[in-house]
């Protein structure tokens, strides 16, 4: 998850919390290593991913993002984080 995030300093736990609240993932302490947490996508999460793949949700927005360089994407990401609170 962290590797795919634009802002590497973002709090991955906070993102997983939100996904868990929406029932898109489950979280369980790893029995082999109690410091690790296993995160699994739920059926609802898989359905949402399929919908995004099938419908190409936000295609115009996605195309617009391709026009931005890395520094512009960082600014956009910071603004979106601020809007989310």
C-alpha atoms as a PDB file:
ATOM      1  CA  UNK A   1       0.000   0.000   0.000  1.00  0.00           C
ATOM      2  CA  UNK A   2       2.684   2.488   1.009  1.00  0.00           C
ATOM      3  CA  UNK A   3       4.739   1.776  -2.133  1.00  0.00           C
ATOM      4  CA  UNK A   4       1.813   2.809  -4.358  1.00  0.00           C
ATOM      5  CA  UNK A   5       0.997   5.967  -2.420  1.00  0.00           C
ATOM      6  CA  UNK A   6       2.005   9.289  -3.912  1.00  0.00           C
ATOM      7  CA  UNK A   7       2.836  10.829  -0.552  1.00  0.00           C
ATOM      8  CA  UNK A   8       5.124   8.323   1.160  1.00  0.00           C
ATOM      9  CA  UNK A   9       4.744  10.115   4.494  1.00  0.00           C
ATOM     10  CA  UNK A  10       0.992   9.559   4.601  1.00  0.00           C
ATOM     11  CA  UNK A  11      -0.276   7.482   7.454  1.00  0.00           C
ATOM     12  CA  UNK A  12      -1.028   4.031   6.021  1.00  0.00           C
ATOM     13  CA  UNK A  13      -2.855   3.022   9.215  1.00  0.00           C
ATOM     14  CA  UNK A  14      -5.277   5.912   8.782  1.00  0.00           C
ATOM     15  CA  UNK A  15      -6.014   4.834   5.222  1.00  0.00           C
ATOM     16  CA  UNK A  16      -6.559   1.223   6.266  1.00  0.00           C
ATOM     17  CA  UNK A  17      -8.838   2.452   9.087  1.00  0.00           C
ATOM     18  CA  UNK A  18     -11.029   4.203   6.520  1.00  0.00           C
ATOM     19  CA  UNK A  19     -11.081   1.168   4.218  1.00  0.00           C
ATOM     20  CA  UNK A  20     -12.007  -1.019   7.182  1.00  0.00           C
ATOM     21  CA  UNK A  21     -14.826   1.372   8.196  1.00  0.00           C
ATOM     22  CA  UNK A  22     -16.219   1.007   4.674  1.00  0.00           C
ATOM     23  CA  UNK A  23     -15.941  -2.802   4.973  1.00  0.00           C
ATOM     24  CA  UNK A  24     -13.535  -2.935   2.018  1.00  0.00           C
ATOM     25  CA  UNK A  25     -10.743  -4.646   3.994  1.00  0.00           C
ATOM     26  CA  UNK A  26     -10.324  -6.652   7.177  1.00  0.00           C
ATOM     27  CA  UNK A  27      -7.405  -6.424   9.555  1.00  0.00           C
ATOM     28  CA  UNK A  28      -6.104  -9.216  11.772  1.00  0.00           C
ATOM     29  CA  UNK A  29      -2.983  -9.518  13.922  1.00  0.00           C
ATOM     30  CA  UNK A  30      -0.592 -11.995  12.306  1.00  0.00           C
ATOM     31  CA  UNK A  31      -0.367 -15.093  14.531  1.00  0.00           C
ATOM     32  CA  UNK A  32       3.243 -15.763  13.472  1.00  0.00           C
ATOM     33  CA  UNK A  33       4.417 -12.220  14.230  1.00  0.00           C
ATOM     34  CA  UNK A  34       2.266 -10.240  16.642  1.00  0.00           C
ATOM     35  CA  UNK A  35       3.848  -6.969  15.475  1.00  0.00           C
ATOM     36  CA  UNK A  36       2.568  -7.550  11.945  1.00  0.00           C
ATOM     37  CA  UNK A  37      -0.996  -7.084  10.763  1.00  0.00           C
ATOM     38  CA  UNK A  38      -2.591  -9.021   7.913  1.00  0.00           C
ATOM     39  CA  UNK A  39      -4.870  -6.873   5.768  1.00  0.00           C
ATOM     40  CA  UNK A  40      -7.230  -8.654   3.397  1.00  0.00           C
ATOM     41  CA  UNK A  41      -9.590  -7.269   0.821  1.00  0.00           C
ATOM     42  CA  UNK A  42     -13.236  -8.203   1.356  1.00  0.00           C
ATOM     43  CA  UNK A  43     -15.781  -9.301  -1.247  1.00  0.00           C
ATOM     44  CA  UNK A  44     -17.134  -5.738  -1.219  1.00  0.00           C
ATOM     45  CA  UNK A  45     -13.623  -4.447  -1.867  1.00  0.00           C
ATOM     46  CA  UNK A  46     -13.177  -6.867  -4.759  1.00  0.00           C
ATOM     47  CA  UNK A  47     -16.508  -5.783  -6.245  1.00  0.00           C
ATOM     48  CA  UNK A  48     -15.464  -2.146  -6.040  1.00  0.00           C
ATOM     49  CA  UNK A  49     -12.132  -2.901  -7.733  1.00  0.00           C
ATOM     50  CA  UNK A  50     -13.934  -4.781 -10.497  1.00  0.00           C
ATOM     51  CA  UNK A  51     -16.333  -1.866 -10.955  1.00  0.00           C
ATOM     52  CA  UNK A  52     -13.430   0.566 -11.251  1.00  0.00           C
ATOM     53  CA  UNK A  53     -11.695  -1.708 -13.770  1.00  0.00           C
ATOM     54  CA  UNK A  54     -14.862  -2.333 -15.796  1.00  0.00           C
ATOM     55  CA  UNK A  55     -16.152   1.222 -15.892  1.00  0.00           C
ATOM     56  CA  UNK A  56     -12.885   3.094 -15.935  1.00  0.00           C
ATOM     57  CA  UNK A  57     -14.269   5.411 -13.260  1.00  0.00           C
ATOM     58  CA  UNK A  58     -13.066   8.998 -13.546  1.00  0.00           C
ATOM     59  CA  UNK A  59     -11.371   8.462 -16.907  1.00  0.00           C
ATOM     60  CA  UNK A  60     -11.297  12.198 -17.743  1.00  0.00           C
ATOM     61  CA  UNK A  61      -9.834  12.950 -14.316  1.00  0.00           C
ATOM     62  CA  UNK A  62      -7.303  10.160 -14.713  1.00  0.00           C
ATOM     63  CA  UNK A  63      -6.258  11.557 -18.084  1.00  0.00           C
ATOM     64  CA  UNK A  64      -5.863  14.976 -16.492  1.00  0.00           C
ATOM     65  CA  UNK A  65      -3.633  13.532 -13.782  1.00  0.00           C
ATOM     66  CA  UNK A  66      -1.314  12.213 -16.483  1.00  0.00           C
ATOM     67  CA  UNK A  67      -0.649  15.824 -17.487  1.00  0.00           C
ATOM     68  CA  UNK A  68       0.738  16.737 -14.049  1.00  0.00           C
ATOM     69  CA  UNK A  69       4.378  16.344 -13.085  1.00  0.00           C
ATOM     70  CA  UNK A  70       5.441  14.855  -9.754  1.00  0.00           C
ATOM     71  CA  UNK A  71       5.616  18.189  -7.911  1.00  0.00           C
ATOM     72  CA  UNK A  72       2.117  19.148  -9.127  1.00  0.00           C
ATOM     73  CA  UNK A  73       0.782  15.755  -8.046  1.00  0.00           C
ATOM     74  CA  UNK A  74       2.321  16.301  -4.597  1.00  0.00           C
ATOM     75  CA  UNK A  75       0.575  19.689  -4.292  1.00  0.00           C
ATOM     76  CA  UNK A  76      -2.726  18.127  -5.394  1.00  0.00           C
ATOM     77  CA  UNK A  77      -2.308  15.296  -2.901  1.00  0.00           C
ATOM     78  CA  UNK A  78      -1.596  17.775  -0.083  1.00  0.00           C
ATOM     79  CA  UNK A  79      -4.695  19.798  -0.986  1.00  0.00           C
ATOM     80  CA  UNK A  80      -6.892  16.694  -1.050  1.00  0.00           C
ATOM     81  CA  UNK A  81      -5.518  15.610   2.343  1.00  0.00           C
ATOM     82  CA  UNK A  82      -6.332  19.069   3.724  1.00  0.00           C
ATOM     83  CA  UNK A  83      -9.890  18.903   2.340  1.00  0.00           C
ATOM     84  CA  UNK A  84     -10.426  15.478   3.927  1.00  0.00           C
ATOM     85  CA  UNK A  85      -9.326  16.905   7.266  1.00  0.00           C
END
